[in-house]
Amino acid sequence: MTERTVIETSAEVMHGTPVFAGTRVPLKTLFDYLKSSDRLADFLDDFPTVSREQAVKVLELAEEDLIDAAVGGRVAAKEAQSSPRAS
């Protein structure tokens, strides 16, 4: 399952809000559920048009992006610390 089979963005669907492909369910809704301490199963029960595979893939993609951002931030911080400052 690729990002393209999981996430859809179209001006005709929810005004371009990223949604689960083939649905009108915004990705943010999944994160809102989890943030509110709801289980993945609760989200899937409430939004049966989203498959478990889609939801898990979105979480995996978010994890990868978060890790990449954290690593990128540390690299940038180290580069800033080690670069000579102009006086």
Protein backbone atom coordinates (compact mmCIF):
# COMPACT_ATOMS: atom_id res chain seq x y z
CA MET A 1 0.00 0.00 0.00
CA THR A 2 1.51 3.31 -1.06
CA GLU A 3 0.86 6.88 0.01
CA ARG A 4 -1.13 7.39 -3.21
CA THR A 5 -3.50 4.53 -2.39
CA VAL A 6 -4.04 5.88 1.12
CA ILE A 7 -4.17 9.67 0.86
CA GLU A 8 -6.13 11.76 -1.61
CA THR A 9 -6.14 15.51 -2.03
CA SER A 10 -8.55 17.06 -4.50
CA ALA A 11 -10.23 20.42 -4.77
CA GLU A 12 -13.49 18.56 -5.44
CA VAL A 13 -13.29 16.53 -2.21
CA MET A 14 -13.51 18.45 1.07
CA HIS A 15 -12.00 21.55 -0.59
CA GLY A 16 -8.57 19.94 -0.87
CA THR A 17 -8.32 18.66 2.68
CA PRO A 18 -6.22 15.46 2.75
CA VAL A 19 -8.62 12.53 3.11
CA PHE A 20 -8.38 8.76 3.13
CA ALA A 21 -8.43 7.73 -0.54
CA GLY A 22 -11.89 6.85 -1.80
CA THR A 23 -13.60 8.54 1.16
CA ARG A 24 -14.51 11.97 2.45
CA VAL A 25 -12.89 11.26 5.84
CA PRO A 26 -10.12 13.76 6.65
CA LEU A 27 -6.84 12.29 7.90
CA LYS A 28 -6.98 14.75 10.79
CA THR A 29 -10.04 12.94 12.11
CA LEU A 30 -7.95 9.85 12.85
CA PHE A 31 -5.44 11.92 14.82
CA ASP A 32 -8.26 13.72 16.66
CA TYR A 33 -9.63 10.35 17.76
CA LEU A 34 -6.26 9.13 18.98
CA LYS A 35 -5.53 12.44 20.70
CA SER A 36 -8.83 12.05 22.57
CA SER A 37 -7.70 8.60 23.80
CA ASP A 38 -10.07 6.77 21.49
CA ARG A 39 -8.88 3.47 20.09
CA LEU A 40 -8.17 2.81 16.43
CA ALA A 41 -11.07 0.35 16.52
CA ASP A 42 -13.42 3.17 17.61
CA PHE A 43 -12.35 5.28 14.65
CA LEU A 44 -12.79 2.37 12.24
CA ASP A 45 -16.24 1.59 13.68
CA ASP A 46 -17.32 5.21 13.22
CA PHE A 47 -15.84 5.50 9.71
CA PRO A 48 -16.40 2.14 7.98
CA THR A 49 -15.30 3.53 4.60
CA VAL A 50 -11.72 3.67 5.93
CA SER A 51 -9.93 0.32 5.99
CA ARG A 52 -7.68 -0.74 8.83
CA GLU A 53 -4.83 -0.99 6.33
CA GLN A 54 -5.35 2.64 5.27
CA ALA A 55 -5.40 3.87 8.86
CA VAL A 56 -2.27 1.93 9.82
CA LYS A 57 -0.44 3.17 6.71
CA VAL A 58 -1.30 6.80 7.56
CA LEU A 59 0.08 6.28 11.06
CA GLU A 60 3.26 4.73 9.61
CA LEU A 61 3.69 7.65 7.21
CA ALA A 62 3.20 10.12 10.07
CA GLU A 63 5.76 8.25 12.15
CA GLU A 64 8.31 8.37 9.32
CA ASP A 65 7.73 12.10 8.81
CA LEU A 66 8.01 12.79 12.53
CA ILE A 67 11.28 10.88 12.80
CA ASP A 68 12.66 12.57 9.67
CA ALA A 69 11.72 15.99 11.07
CA ALA A 70 13.33 15.23 14.44
CA VAL A 71 16.52 13.96 12.83
CA GLY A 72 16.56 16.93 10.44
CA GLY A 73 16.12 19.31 13.35
CA ARG A 74 19.00 17.77 15.26
CA VAL A 75 21.25 17.88 12.20
CA ALA A 76 20.37 21.53 11.59
CA ALA A 77 20.99 22.37 15.25
CA LYS A 78 24.38 20.65 15.22
CA GLU A 79 25.33 22.42 11.99
CA ALA A 80 24.31 25.76 13.49
CA GLN A 81 26.40 25.06 16.60
CA SER A 82 29.48 24.02 14.66
CA SER A 83 29.43 26.76 12.05
CA PRO A 84 31.67 29.75 12.75
CA ARG A 85 29.80 32.87 13.74
CA ALA A 86 30.49 36.17 12.09
CA SER A 87 31.80 38.76 14.54
